[in-house]
């Protein structure tokens, strides 16, 4: 093998190793998450919380996850007037003129956006998602759940509930958001089908993960 061919082969091997390391780390992270979910719902079946929290819980409500996140809700960017002033220009002294009249034009509201607010404690239970901060306290009850959306990296969430006109949600650190995503799916499963329905589903996911463990590439 010539010099350039050998160099190209080494680069390909290095890329394959990097890809494997990345994929395996992501896989191992998911295995850890599902082990946490399994433990959380084993406790939930016994009526025990899986995470310490200061939330006021409803009768029969069990906390299965908690973490830090940033609350946000629907709002608008600053608006602006489109147009110009008009009116009569009156000379005063030394070339200074004072314009009287009115504003001509239209006020255009800013674009609809999610306004990011404070960071606080996020609590996920078998009944709802709660955000507790210094200035904002919100909840999204599964009984009024209409759906949710998340960013590609699973860090940012918008929740839709029937008792609120404004959409709102929570931004997590990317590593926390991935864990929250999988806990949320099983919390909704528990709300719809009962706590006992979760463990069989989690065990199926864990078995599938075991089969899907990335394999070390064969390097030449």
N, C-alpha and C. Protein backbone atom coordinates (compact mmCIF):
# COMPACT_ATOMS: atom_id res chain seq x y z
N UNK A 1 0.85 -1.19 0.00
CA UNK A 1 0.00 0.00 0.00
C UNK A 1 0.88 1.23 0.00
N UNK A 2 0.59 2.19 -0.91
CA UNK A 2 1.38 3.40 -0.99
C UNK A 2 1.11 4.34 0.17
N UNK A 3 1.92 5.41 0.22
CA UNK A 3 1.81 6.37 1.32
C UNK A 3 0.43 7.00 1.40
N UNK A 4 -0.08 7.52 0.24
CA UNK A 4 -1.36 8.22 0.24
C UNK A 4 -2.52 7.26 0.51
N UNK A 5 -2.43 6.06 -0.02
CA UNK A 5 -3.48 5.08 0.24
C UNK A 5 -3.51 4.69 1.71
N UNK A 6 -2.32 4.55 2.30
CA UNK A 6 -2.24 4.20 3.72
C UNK A 6 -2.80 5.34 4.59
N UNK A 7 -2.50 6.58 4.20
CA UNK A 7 -3.00 7.73 4.95
C UNK A 7 -4.52 7.82 4.86
N UNK A 8 -5.05 7.55 3.65
CA UNK A 8 -6.50 7.58 3.45
C UNK A 8 -7.19 6.50 4.28
N UNK A 9 -6.59 5.33 4.33
CA UNK A 9 -7.16 4.22 5.11
C UNK A 9 -7.17 4.55 6.59
N UNK A 10 -6.11 5.19 7.09
CA UNK A 10 -6.05 5.55 8.50
C UNK A 10 -7.11 6.59 8.85
N UNK A 11 -7.34 7.54 7.95
CA UNK A 11 -8.37 8.55 8.18
C UNK A 11 -9.75 7.91 8.21
N UNK A 12 -10.00 6.99 7.31
CA UNK A 12 -11.29 6.29 7.27
C UNK A 12 -11.51 5.49 8.55
N UNK A 13 -10.43 4.85 9.04
CA UNK A 13 -10.52 4.08 10.28
C UNK A 13 -10.81 5.00 11.47
N UNK A 14 -10.15 6.15 11.47
CA UNK A 14 -10.36 7.11 12.56
C UNK A 14 -11.80 7.62 12.56
N UNK A 15 -12.33 7.91 11.36
CA UNK A 15 -13.72 8.38 11.26
C UNK A 15 -14.68 7.29 11.73
N UNK A 16 -14.43 6.05 11.32
CA UNK A 16 -15.30 4.94 11.72
C UNK A 16 -15.28 4.76 13.23
N UNK A 17 -14.10 4.91 13.83
CA UNK A 17 -13.99 4.77 15.29
C UNK A 17 -14.73 5.89 16.00
N UNK A 18 -14.59 7.13 15.49
CA UNK A 18 -15.29 8.27 16.08
C UNK A 18 -16.80 8.08 15.99
N UNK A 19 -17.28 7.63 14.83
CA UNK A 19 -18.72 7.40 14.64
C UNK A 19 -19.22 6.33 15.61
N UNK A 20 -18.44 5.29 15.78
CA UNK A 20 -18.83 4.22 16.70
C UNK A 20 -18.88 4.74 18.14
N UNK A 21 -17.86 5.48 18.54
CA UNK A 21 -17.81 6.01 19.91
C UNK A 21 -19.01 6.91 20.19
N UNK A 22 -19.36 7.75 19.22
CA UNK A 22 -20.51 8.65 19.38
C UNK A 22 -21.80 7.86 19.50
N UNK A 23 -22.00 6.90 18.57
CA UNK A 23 -23.23 6.10 18.57
C UNK A 23 -23.34 5.26 19.84
N UNK A 24 -22.22 4.71 20.29
CA UNK A 24 -22.27 3.86 21.48
C UNK A 24 -22.54 4.69 22.73
N UNK A 25 -21.99 5.89 22.80
CA UNK A 25 -22.24 6.76 23.95
C UNK A 25 -23.72 7.14 24.01
N UNK A 26 -24.30 7.43 22.85
CA UNK A 26 -25.72 7.77 22.79
C UNK A 26 -26.57 6.56 23.20
N UNK A 27 -26.19 5.38 22.72
CA UNK A 27 -26.90 4.15 23.08
C UNK A 27 -26.81 3.89 24.58
N UNK A 28 -25.62 4.02 25.14
CA UNK A 28 -25.42 3.79 26.57
C UNK A 28 -26.23 4.79 27.39
N UNK A 29 -26.35 6.02 26.89
CA UNK A 29 -27.16 7.01 27.58
C UNK A 29 -28.62 6.61 27.62
N UNK A 30 -29.13 6.07 26.51
CA UNK A 30 -30.52 5.61 26.47
C UNK A 30 -30.75 4.42 27.39
N UNK A 31 -29.78 3.53 27.46
CA UNK A 31 -29.89 2.38 28.38
C UNK A 31 -29.99 2.89 29.82
N UNK A 32 -29.17 3.86 30.17
CA UNK A 32 -29.20 4.44 31.51
C UNK A 32 -30.55 5.09 31.80
N UNK A 33 -31.07 5.82 30.80
CA UNK A 33 -32.37 6.49 30.97
C UNK A 33 -33.47 5.47 31.24
N UNK A 34 -33.51 4.40 30.46
CA UNK A 34 -34.58 3.42 30.64
C UNK A 34 -34.42 2.64 31.95
N UNK A 35 -33.20 2.48 32.42
CA UNK A 35 -33.00 1.90 33.75
C UNK A 35 -33.59 2.81 34.83
N UNK A 36 -33.42 4.13 34.65
CA UNK A 36 -34.01 5.10 35.59
C UNK A 36 -35.53 5.04 35.53
N UNK A 37 -36.08 4.96 34.31
CA UNK A 37 -37.54 4.89 34.17
C UNK A 37 -38.08 3.64 34.84
N UNK A 38 -37.40 2.52 34.64
CA UNK A 38 -37.81 1.26 35.25
C UNK A 38 -37.84 1.39 36.77
N UNK A 39 -36.78 1.96 37.34
CA UNK A 39 -36.72 2.15 38.79
C UNK A 39 -37.83 3.08 39.27
N UNK A 40 -38.06 4.17 38.52
CA UNK A 40 -39.07 5.15 38.91
C UNK A 40 -40.46 4.53 38.97
N UNK A 41 -40.79 3.69 37.99
CA UNK A 41 -42.13 3.11 37.97
C UNK A 41 -42.27 1.91 38.88
N UNK A 42 -41.17 1.27 39.21
CA UNK A 42 -41.21 0.24 40.26
C UNK A 42 -41.59 0.89 41.59
N UNK A 43 -41.05 2.09 41.84
CA UNK A 43 -41.40 2.82 43.04
C UNK A 43 -42.84 3.34 42.96
N UNK A 44 -43.23 3.81 41.77
CA UNK A 44 -44.58 4.36 41.59
C UNK A 44 -45.65 3.31 41.87
N UNK A 45 -45.41 2.08 41.45
CA UNK A 45 -46.36 1.00 41.71
C UNK A 45 -46.55 0.80 43.21
N UNK A 46 -45.48 1.07 43.98
CA UNK A 46 -45.57 0.96 45.45
C UNK A 46 -46.15 2.22 46.08
N UNK A 47 -46.43 3.24 45.24
CA UNK A 47 -46.95 4.50 45.76
C UNK A 47 -45.88 5.45 46.25
N UNK A 48 -44.63 5.25 45.81
CA UNK A 48 -43.52 6.07 46.28
C UNK A 48 -43.01 6.99 45.18
N UNK A 49 -42.62 8.22 45.57
CA UNK A 49 -42.02 9.15 44.63
C UNK A 49 -40.62 8.68 44.24
N UNK A 50 -40.25 8.95 42.99
CA UNK A 50 -38.91 8.59 42.53
C UNK A 50 -37.94 9.77 42.61
N UNK A 51 -38.47 10.97 42.86
CA UNK A 51 -37.61 12.16 42.93
C UNK A 51 -38.09 13.06 44.05
N UNK A 52 -37.16 13.60 44.80
CA UNK A 52 -37.53 14.53 45.87
C UNK A 52 -38.00 15.83 45.25
N UNK A 53 -38.98 16.49 45.89
CA UNK A 53 -39.53 17.71 45.33
C UNK A 53 -40.30 18.45 46.41
N UNK A 54 -40.62 19.72 46.12
CA UNK A 54 -41.38 20.54 47.06
C UNK A 54 -42.78 20.82 46.54
N UNK A 55 -43.20 20.11 45.50
CA UNK A 55 -44.51 20.35 44.91
C UNK A 55 -45.62 19.85 45.84
N UNK A 56 -46.73 20.56 45.81
CA UNK A 56 -47.92 20.11 46.53
C UNK A 56 -48.64 19.11 45.64
N UNK A 57 -48.66 17.86 46.05
CA UNK A 57 -49.19 16.79 45.21
C UNK A 57 -50.65 16.51 45.50
N UNK A 58 -51.35 16.09 44.46
CA UNK A 58 -52.75 15.71 44.60
C UNK A 58 -52.83 14.28 45.15
N UNK A 59 -53.99 13.91 45.61
CA UNK A 59 -54.19 12.56 46.13
C UNK A 59 -53.91 11.54 45.02
N UNK A 60 -53.05 10.58 45.31
CA UNK A 60 -52.73 9.54 44.34
C UNK A 60 -51.69 9.93 43.31
N UNK A 61 -51.24 11.19 43.32
CA UNK A 61 -50.24 11.66 42.36
C UNK A 61 -48.84 11.25 42.82
N UNK A 62 -48.02 10.75 41.89
CA UNK A 62 -46.67 10.28 42.21
C UNK A 62 -45.66 10.97 41.31
N UNK A 63 -44.64 11.53 41.89
CA UNK A 63 -43.57 12.20 41.13
C UNK A 63 -42.59 11.16 40.61
N UNK A 64 -42.33 11.20 39.32
CA UNK A 64 -41.41 10.22 38.73
C UNK A 64 -40.11 10.84 38.22
N UNK A 65 -40.07 12.18 38.12
CA UNK A 65 -38.84 12.82 37.60
C UNK A 65 -38.85 14.29 38.00
N UNK A 66 -37.66 14.86 38.20
CA UNK A 66 -37.55 16.30 38.40
C UNK A 66 -36.21 16.78 37.86
N UNK A 67 -36.17 18.05 37.48
CA UNK A 67 -34.94 18.62 36.93
C UNK A 67 -35.09 20.12 36.76
N UNK A 68 -34.06 20.75 36.20
CA UNK A 68 -34.07 22.19 35.98
C UNK A 68 -34.44 22.51 34.53
N UNK A 69 -35.23 23.56 34.34
CA UNK A 69 -35.60 23.98 32.99
C UNK A 69 -35.98 25.45 32.98
N UNK A 70 -36.08 26.02 31.78
CA UNK A 70 -36.43 27.43 31.62
C UNK A 70 -37.84 27.54 31.03
N UNK A 71 -38.70 28.23 31.74
CA UNK A 71 -40.09 28.39 31.31
C UNK A 71 -40.19 29.40 30.17
N UNK A 72 -41.08 29.15 29.21
CA UNK A 72 -41.36 30.14 28.16
C UNK A 72 -42.83 30.06 27.77
N UNK A 73 -43.36 31.16 27.24
CA UNK A 73 -44.75 31.19 26.81
C UNK A 73 -44.89 32.09 25.60
N UNK A 74 -46.04 31.96 24.92
CA UNK A 74 -46.28 32.73 23.70
C UNK A 74 -46.33 34.22 24.00
N UNK A 75 -45.69 35.00 23.13
CA UNK A 75 -45.71 36.46 23.24
C UNK A 75 -45.44 37.06 21.87
N UNK A 76 -45.06 38.31 21.84
CA UNK A 76 -44.75 38.96 20.57
C UNK A 76 -43.47 39.78 20.68
N UNK A 77 -42.76 39.85 19.56
CA UNK A 77 -41.61 40.74 19.47
C UNK A 77 -42.12 42.18 19.45
N UNK A 78 -41.26 43.17 19.77
CA UNK A 78 -41.72 44.57 19.77
C UNK A 78 -42.32 44.96 18.42
N UNK A 79 -43.42 45.72 18.46
CA UNK A 79 -44.05 46.21 17.23
C UNK A 79 -43.42 47.52 16.78
N UNK A 80 -43.93 48.05 15.67
CA UNK A 80 -43.41 49.31 15.15
C UNK A 80 -44.47 50.02 14.32
N UNK A 81 -44.31 51.35 14.23
CA UNK A 81 -45.18 52.12 13.35
C UNK A 81 -44.60 52.13 11.95
N UNK A 82 -45.47 51.92 10.97
CA UNK A 82 -45.07 52.01 9.57
C UNK A 82 -45.74 53.25 9.01
N UNK A 83 -44.95 54.29 8.70
CA UNK A 83 -45.51 55.56 8.22
C UNK A 83 -44.63 56.70 8.68
N UNK A 84 -45.14 57.91 8.62
CA UNK A 84 -44.36 59.08 8.99
C UNK A 84 -45.27 60.11 9.64
N UNK A 85 -44.66 61.06 10.37
CA UNK A 85 -45.45 62.11 11.00
C UNK A 85 -45.89 63.13 9.96
N UNK A 86 -46.99 63.83 10.26
CA UNK A 86 -47.44 64.89 9.37
C UNK A 86 -48.02 66.01 10.21
N UNK A 87 -48.14 67.19 9.65
CA UNK A 87 -48.74 68.30 10.39
C UNK A 87 -48.11 69.62 9.98
N UNK A 88 -48.45 70.65 10.72
CA UNK A 88 -48.01 72.00 10.40
C UNK A 88 -46.70 72.30 11.12
N UNK A 89 -45.70 72.82 10.37
CA UNK A 89 -44.41 73.16 10.96
C UNK A 89 -44.41 74.63 11.35
N UNK A 90 -44.18 74.97 12.63
CA UNK A 90 -44.23 76.33 13.13
C UNK A 90 -42.83 76.79 13.51
N UNK A 91 -42.32 77.88 12.90
CA UNK A 91 -41.00 78.38 13.29
C UNK A 91 -41.04 78.99 14.68
N UNK A 92 -39.96 78.76 15.49
CA UNK A 92 -39.92 79.35 16.83
C UNK A 92 -38.81 80.39 16.86
N UNK A 93 -37.57 80.01 17.14
CA UNK A 93 -36.44 80.94 17.14
C UNK A 93 -35.22 80.24 16.58
N UNK A 94 -34.33 80.99 16.04
CA UNK A 94 -33.01 80.51 15.60
C UNK A 94 -33.11 79.27 14.73
N UNK A 95 -34.07 79.25 13.83
CA UNK A 95 -34.17 78.15 12.89
C UNK A 95 -34.81 76.90 13.46
N UNK A 96 -35.18 76.91 14.75
CA UNK A 96 -35.81 75.74 15.35
C UNK A 96 -37.29 75.74 14.96
N UNK A 97 -37.76 74.61 14.53
CA UNK A 97 -39.16 74.50 14.12
C UNK A 97 -39.84 73.41 14.95
N UNK A 98 -41.08 73.61 15.23
CA UNK A 98 -41.86 72.65 16.02
C UNK A 98 -42.99 72.12 15.16
N UNK A 99 -43.08 70.82 15.02
CA UNK A 99 -44.10 70.21 14.16
C UNK A 99 -45.27 69.75 15.03
N UNK A 100 -46.45 70.18 14.64
CA UNK A 100 -47.66 69.75 15.33
C UNK A 100 -48.49 68.93 14.38
N UNK A 101 -49.27 68.05 14.90
CA UNK A 101 -50.09 67.22 14.02
C UNK A 101 -50.24 65.84 14.62
N UNK A 102 -50.17 64.81 13.77
CA UNK A 102 -50.43 63.45 14.21
C UNK A 102 -49.51 62.49 13.49
N UNK A 103 -49.54 61.26 13.96
CA UNK A 103 -48.75 60.21 13.34
C UNK A 103 -49.54 59.64 12.17
N UNK A 104 -48.91 59.54 11.04
CA UNK A 104 -49.54 58.94 9.88
C UNK A 104 -48.96 57.55 9.67
N UNK A 105 -49.78 56.56 9.61
CA UNK A 105 -49.27 55.21 9.41
C UNK A 105 -50.04 54.22 10.26
N UNK A 106 -49.49 53.03 10.35
CA UNK A 106 -50.16 51.92 11.03
C UNK A 106 -49.19 51.25 11.98
N UNK A 107 -49.70 50.87 13.15
CA UNK A 107 -48.88 50.12 14.08
C UNK A 107 -48.92 48.65 13.69
N UNK A 108 -47.74 48.07 13.46
CA UNK A 108 -47.64 46.67 13.07
C UNK A 108 -47.12 45.87 14.26
N UNK A 109 -47.94 44.94 14.82
CA UNK A 109 -47.46 44.14 15.96
C UNK A 109 -46.26 43.29 15.56
N UNK A 110 -45.44 42.98 16.54
CA UNK A 110 -44.29 42.11 16.28
C UNK A 110 -44.71 40.68 16.01
N UNK A 111 -43.78 39.88 15.52
CA UNK A 111 -44.05 38.48 15.23
C UNK A 111 -44.35 37.70 16.51
N UNK A 112 -45.20 36.71 16.37
CA UNK A 112 -45.48 35.83 17.51
C UNK A 112 -44.25 34.98 17.79
N UNK A 113 -43.82 34.94 19.04
CA UNK A 113 -42.63 34.19 19.44
C UNK A 113 -42.88 33.56 20.80
N UNK A 114 -41.99 32.66 21.20
CA UNK A 114 -41.97 32.16 22.56
C UNK A 114 -41.02 33.04 23.36
N UNK A 115 -41.52 33.62 24.44
CA UNK A 115 -40.72 34.51 25.29
C UNK A 115 -40.12 33.68 26.43
N UNK A 116 -38.80 33.63 26.49
CA UNK A 116 -38.11 32.81 27.49
C UNK A 116 -37.96 33.61 28.78
N UNK A 117 -38.34 32.95 29.88
CA UNK A 117 -38.37 33.64 31.16
C UNK A 117 -37.40 32.99 32.14
N UNK A 118 -37.85 32.69 33.34
CA UNK A 118 -36.91 32.26 34.38
C UNK A 118 -36.63 30.76 34.36
N UNK A 119 -35.52 30.42 34.98
CA UNK A 119 -35.16 29.01 35.18
C UNK A 119 -35.71 28.56 36.53
N UNK A 120 -36.26 27.37 36.57
CA UNK A 120 -36.83 26.86 37.81
C UNK A 120 -36.85 25.35 37.83
N UNK A 121 -37.60 24.81 38.78
CA UNK A 121 -37.67 23.37 38.96
C UNK A 121 -38.85 22.79 38.17
N UNK A 122 -38.56 21.74 37.41
CA UNK A 122 -39.59 21.05 36.63
C UNK A 122 -39.87 19.71 37.29
N UNK A 123 -41.14 19.45 37.53
CA UNK A 123 -41.56 18.21 38.17
C UNK A 123 -42.50 17.47 37.23
N UNK A 124 -42.21 16.22 36.98
CA UNK A 124 -43.05 15.37 36.14
C UNK A 124 -43.68 14.31 37.02
N UNK A 125 -45.00 14.26 37.01
CA UNK A 125 -45.70 13.28 37.84
C UNK A 125 -46.57 12.38 36.96
N UNK A 126 -47.30 11.51 37.59
CA UNK A 126 -48.21 10.63 36.86
C UNK A 126 -49.46 11.38 36.39
N UNK A 127 -49.63 12.65 36.81
CA UNK A 127 -50.80 13.44 36.44
C UNK A 127 -50.50 14.65 35.59
N UNK A 128 -49.28 15.18 35.67
CA UNK A 128 -49.04 16.49 35.05
C UNK A 128 -47.54 16.82 35.01
N UNK A 129 -47.24 17.92 34.31
CA UNK A 129 -45.92 18.56 34.34
C UNK A 129 -46.09 19.84 35.13
N UNK A 130 -45.17 20.13 36.03
CA UNK A 130 -45.23 21.36 36.82
C UNK A 130 -43.93 22.14 36.67
N UNK A 131 -44.05 23.47 36.62
CA UNK A 131 -42.89 24.35 36.67
C UNK A 131 -43.03 25.25 37.89
N UNK A 132 -42.01 25.28 38.72
CA UNK A 132 -42.01 26.12 39.92
C UNK A 132 -40.79 27.03 39.91
N UNK A 133 -41.04 28.33 39.75
CA UNK A 133 -39.96 29.30 39.76
C UNK A 133 -40.24 30.39 40.79
N UNK A 134 -39.38 31.40 40.83
CA UNK A 134 -39.57 32.50 41.77
C UNK A 134 -40.77 33.36 41.38
N UNK A 135 -41.02 33.50 40.06
CA UNK A 135 -42.06 34.41 39.59
C UNK A 135 -43.16 33.71 38.78
N UNK A 136 -42.92 32.50 38.37
CA UNK A 136 -43.89 31.78 37.56
C UNK A 136 -44.12 30.38 38.12
N UNK A 137 -45.39 30.01 38.21
CA UNK A 137 -45.77 28.64 38.57
C UNK A 137 -46.80 28.18 37.56
N UNK A 138 -46.50 27.10 36.86
CA UNK A 138 -47.40 26.62 35.81
C UNK A 138 -47.56 25.11 35.92
N UNK A 139 -48.66 24.62 35.35
CA UNK A 139 -48.84 23.18 35.26
C UNK A 139 -49.51 22.84 33.93
N UNK A 140 -49.21 21.66 33.44
CA UNK A 140 -49.83 21.13 32.23
C UNK A 140 -50.39 19.75 32.60
N UNK A 141 -51.69 19.68 32.79
CA UNK A 141 -52.33 18.44 33.26
C UNK A 141 -52.57 17.50 32.08
N UNK A 142 -52.26 16.22 32.27
CA UNK A 142 -52.48 15.23 31.22
C UNK A 142 -53.97 15.05 30.91
N UNK A 143 -54.84 15.34 31.89
CA UNK A 143 -56.28 15.22 31.66
C UNK A 143 -56.76 16.23 30.62
N UNK A 144 -56.00 17.31 30.42
CA UNK A 144 -56.36 18.34 29.44
C UNK A 144 -55.35 18.39 28.29
N UNK A 145 -54.60 17.33 28.13
CA UNK A 145 -53.48 17.27 27.18
C UNK A 145 -53.98 17.22 25.74
N UNK A 146 -53.46 18.12 24.89
CA UNK A 146 -53.77 18.09 23.46
C UNK A 146 -52.56 17.71 22.62
N UNK A 147 -51.40 17.61 23.24
CA UNK A 147 -50.21 17.25 22.48
C UNK A 147 -49.01 18.10 22.88
N UNK A 148 -47.89 17.82 22.22
CA UNK A 148 -46.65 18.54 22.51
C UNK A 148 -45.77 18.52 21.28
N UNK A 149 -44.79 19.42 21.26
CA UNK A 149 -43.81 19.46 20.18
C UNK A 149 -42.45 19.69 20.80
N UNK A 150 -41.41 19.18 20.14
CA UNK A 150 -40.06 19.36 20.65
C UNK A 150 -39.10 19.69 19.51
N UNK A 151 -37.99 20.30 19.85
CA UNK A 151 -36.95 20.61 18.87
C UNK A 151 -36.23 19.34 18.46
N UNK A 152 -35.45 19.41 17.39
CA UNK A 152 -34.75 18.23 16.87
C UNK A 152 -33.81 17.62 17.91
N UNK A 153 -33.20 18.46 18.74
CA UNK A 153 -32.26 17.93 19.74
C UNK A 153 -32.95 17.59 21.06
N UNK A 154 -34.28 17.64 21.07
CA UNK A 154 -35.09 17.25 22.24
C UNK A 154 -34.83 18.13 23.46
N UNK A 155 -34.41 19.37 23.25
CA UNK A 155 -34.13 20.25 24.38
C UNK A 155 -35.27 21.22 24.68
N UNK A 156 -36.05 21.58 23.66
CA UNK A 156 -37.07 22.62 23.81
C UNK A 156 -38.46 22.05 23.55
N UNK A 157 -39.40 22.33 24.45
CA UNK A 157 -40.73 21.73 24.38
C UNK A 157 -41.82 22.79 24.43
N UNK A 158 -42.87 22.58 23.63
CA UNK A 158 -44.09 23.36 23.73
C UNK A 158 -45.22 22.39 24.03
N UNK A 159 -46.03 22.72 25.04
CA UNK A 159 -47.12 21.85 25.47
C UNK A 159 -48.46 22.50 25.12
N UNK A 160 -49.39 21.68 24.66
CA UNK A 160 -50.72 22.16 24.30
C UNK A 160 -51.74 21.54 25.25
N UNK A 161 -52.47 22.39 25.97
CA UNK A 161 -53.52 21.92 26.87
C UNK A 161 -54.79 22.69 26.57
N UNK A 162 -55.92 22.03 26.78
CA UNK A 162 -57.21 22.59 26.36
C UNK A 162 -57.68 23.76 27.21
N UNK A 163 -57.14 23.91 28.42
CA UNK A 163 -57.61 24.97 29.30
C UNK A 163 -56.76 26.24 29.23
N UNK A 164 -55.92 26.36 28.19
CA UNK A 164 -55.05 27.53 28.08
C UNK A 164 -54.92 27.95 26.62
N UNK A 165 -55.18 29.23 26.34
CA UNK A 165 -55.10 29.71 24.96
C UNK A 165 -53.66 29.87 24.50
N UNK A 166 -52.81 30.39 25.37
CA UNK A 166 -51.41 30.59 25.01
C UNK A 166 -50.63 29.29 25.11
N UNK A 167 -49.83 29.01 24.10
CA UNK A 167 -48.91 27.88 24.21
C UNK A 167 -47.75 28.27 25.12
N UNK A 168 -47.19 27.27 25.77
CA UNK A 168 -46.07 27.51 26.67
C UNK A 168 -45.27 26.23 26.77
N UNK A 169 -44.11 26.32 27.39
CA UNK A 169 -43.28 25.12 27.48
C UNK A 169 -42.04 25.34 28.29
N UNK A 170 -41.08 24.45 28.09
CA UNK A 170 -39.85 24.45 28.89
C UNK A 170 -38.65 24.14 28.00
N UNK A 171 -37.57 24.85 28.25
CA UNK A 171 -36.29 24.60 27.59
C UNK A 171 -35.36 23.92 28.58
N UNK A 172 -34.77 22.79 28.15
CA UNK A 172 -33.82 22.05 28.98
C UNK A 172 -32.44 22.09 28.34
N UNK A 173 -31.43 21.79 29.12
CA UNK A 173 -30.13 21.44 28.54
C UNK A 173 -30.34 20.19 27.69
N UNK A 174 -29.63 20.09 26.57
CA UNK A 174 -29.87 19.00 25.61
C UNK A 174 -29.81 17.62 26.26
N UNK A 175 -28.85 17.38 27.15
CA UNK A 175 -28.71 16.06 27.76
C UNK A 175 -29.89 15.77 28.69
N UNK A 176 -30.41 16.79 29.36
CA UNK A 176 -31.56 16.62 30.25
C UNK A 176 -32.84 16.45 29.44
N UNK A 177 -32.93 17.18 28.33
CA UNK A 177 -34.13 17.12 27.50
C UNK A 177 -34.39 15.73 26.93
N UNK A 178 -33.35 15.03 26.56
CA UNK A 178 -33.51 13.67 26.03
C UNK A 178 -34.08 12.74 27.10
N UNK A 179 -33.59 12.87 28.33
CA UNK A 179 -34.11 12.06 29.42
C UNK A 179 -35.56 12.42 29.72
N UNK A 180 -35.84 13.73 29.78
CA UNK A 180 -37.21 14.17 30.05
C UNK A 180 -38.18 13.63 29.00
N UNK A 181 -37.76 13.63 27.74
CA UNK A 181 -38.60 13.15 26.64
C UNK A 181 -39.09 11.73 26.90
N UNK A 182 -38.18 10.87 27.29
CA UNK A 182 -38.53 9.46 27.47
C UNK A 182 -39.34 9.23 28.75
N UNK A 183 -39.05 10.01 29.77
CA UNK A 183 -39.89 9.94 30.98
C UNK A 183 -41.30 10.45 30.68
N UNK A 184 -41.39 11.53 29.90
CA UNK A 184 -42.69 12.10 29.56
C UNK A 184 -43.56 11.09 28.82
N UNK A 185 -42.97 10.38 27.86
CA UNK A 185 -43.74 9.39 27.09
C UNK A 185 -44.36 8.34 28.01
N UNK A 186 -43.61 7.89 29.01
CA UNK A 186 -44.13 6.87 29.91
C UNK A 186 -45.08 7.45 30.95
N UNK A 187 -44.91 8.73 31.30
CA UNK A 187 -45.86 9.38 32.20
C UNK A 187 -47.23 9.49 31.54
N UNK A 188 -47.24 9.83 30.26
CA UNK A 188 -48.50 9.91 29.52
C UNK A 188 -49.11 8.52 29.38
N UNK A 189 -48.27 7.53 29.14
CA UNK A 189 -48.73 6.14 29.08
C UNK A 189 -49.40 5.75 30.40
N UNK A 190 -48.78 6.13 31.51
CA UNK A 190 -49.34 5.82 32.83
C UNK A 190 -50.67 6.53 33.04
N UNK A 191 -50.75 7.79 32.60
CA UNK A 191 -51.98 8.56 32.77
C UNK A 191 -53.13 7.96 31.96
N UNK A 192 -52.80 7.43 30.79
CA UNK A 192 -53.84 6.89 29.90
C UNK A 192 -54.21 5.45 30.23
N UNK A 193 -53.21 4.65 30.62
CA UNK A 193 -53.44 3.20 30.75
C UNK A 193 -53.17 2.63 32.14
N UNK A 194 -52.76 3.49 33.07
CA UNK A 194 -52.46 3.02 34.42
C UNK A 194 -50.98 2.79 34.63
N UNK A 195 -50.53 2.96 35.86
CA UNK A 195 -49.10 2.82 36.19
C UNK A 195 -48.57 1.43 35.84
N UNK A 196 -49.40 0.40 36.07
CA UNK A 196 -48.94 -0.97 35.85
C UNK A 196 -48.63 -1.27 34.39
N UNK A 197 -49.16 -0.45 33.47
CA UNK A 197 -48.93 -0.71 32.04
C UNK A 197 -47.54 -0.29 31.58
N UNK A 198 -46.84 0.49 32.39
CA UNK A 198 -45.57 1.08 31.94
C UNK A 198 -44.42 0.09 31.94
N UNK A 199 -44.25 -0.68 32.99
CA UNK A 199 -43.09 -1.56 33.09
C UNK A 199 -42.96 -2.54 31.92
N UNK A 200 -44.05 -3.20 31.47
CA UNK A 200 -43.90 -4.08 30.30
C UNK A 200 -43.40 -3.33 29.07
N UNK A 201 -43.87 -2.10 28.88
CA UNK A 201 -43.42 -1.30 27.73
C UNK A 201 -41.95 -0.95 27.87
N UNK A 202 -41.54 -0.56 29.07
CA UNK A 202 -40.14 -0.20 29.32
C UNK A 202 -39.23 -1.41 29.09
N UNK A 203 -39.65 -2.56 29.54
CA UNK A 203 -38.85 -3.77 29.35
C UNK A 203 -38.71 -4.12 27.87
N UNK A 204 -39.75 -3.88 27.09
CA UNK A 204 -39.67 -4.09 25.63
C UNK A 204 -38.64 -3.16 25.01
N UNK A 205 -38.66 -1.89 25.43
CA UNK A 205 -37.68 -0.92 24.92
C UNK A 205 -36.26 -1.35 25.31
N UNK A 206 -36.09 -1.81 26.51
CA UNK A 206 -34.76 -2.21 26.98
C UNK A 206 -34.26 -3.43 26.21
N UNK A 207 -35.16 -4.37 25.91
CA UNK A 207 -34.77 -5.54 25.13
C UNK A 207 -34.37 -5.13 23.72
N UNK A 208 -35.13 -4.19 23.14
CA UNK A 208 -34.80 -3.71 21.79
C UNK A 208 -33.47 -2.97 21.78
N UNK A 209 -33.22 -2.19 22.82
CA UNK A 209 -31.94 -1.48 22.93
C UNK A 209 -30.77 -2.46 23.00
N UNK A 210 -30.95 -3.52 23.75
CA UNK A 210 -29.88 -4.51 23.90
C UNK A 210 -29.49 -5.09 22.54
N UNK A 211 -30.50 -5.35 21.70
CA UNK A 211 -30.23 -5.89 20.37
C UNK A 211 -29.58 -4.85 19.44
N UNK A 212 -29.86 -3.58 19.71
CA UNK A 212 -29.39 -2.53 18.83
C UNK A 212 -28.06 -1.91 19.26
N UNK A 213 -27.36 -2.54 20.18
CA UNK A 213 -26.08 -1.98 20.61
C UNK A 213 -25.13 -1.84 19.41
N UNK A 214 -24.59 -0.65 19.18
CA UNK A 214 -23.66 -0.45 18.06
C UNK A 214 -22.46 -1.39 18.17
N UNK A 215 -22.04 -1.88 17.06
CA UNK A 215 -20.90 -2.81 17.00
C UNK A 215 -19.63 -2.07 16.61
N UNK A 216 -18.54 -2.48 17.24
CA UNK A 216 -17.23 -1.91 16.90
C UNK A 216 -16.90 -2.20 15.45
N UNK A 217 -16.53 -1.19 14.67
CA UNK A 217 -16.20 -1.44 13.26
C UNK A 217 -14.95 -2.31 13.11
N UNK A 218 -14.92 -3.09 12.05
CA UNK A 218 -13.75 -3.90 11.74
C UNK A 218 -12.79 -3.01 10.96
N UNK A 219 -11.65 -2.71 11.59
CA UNK A 219 -10.70 -1.80 10.99
C UNK A 219 -9.65 -2.60 10.19
N UNK A 220 -9.32 -2.05 9.04
CA UNK A 220 -8.32 -2.70 8.18
C UNK A 220 -7.03 -1.90 8.17
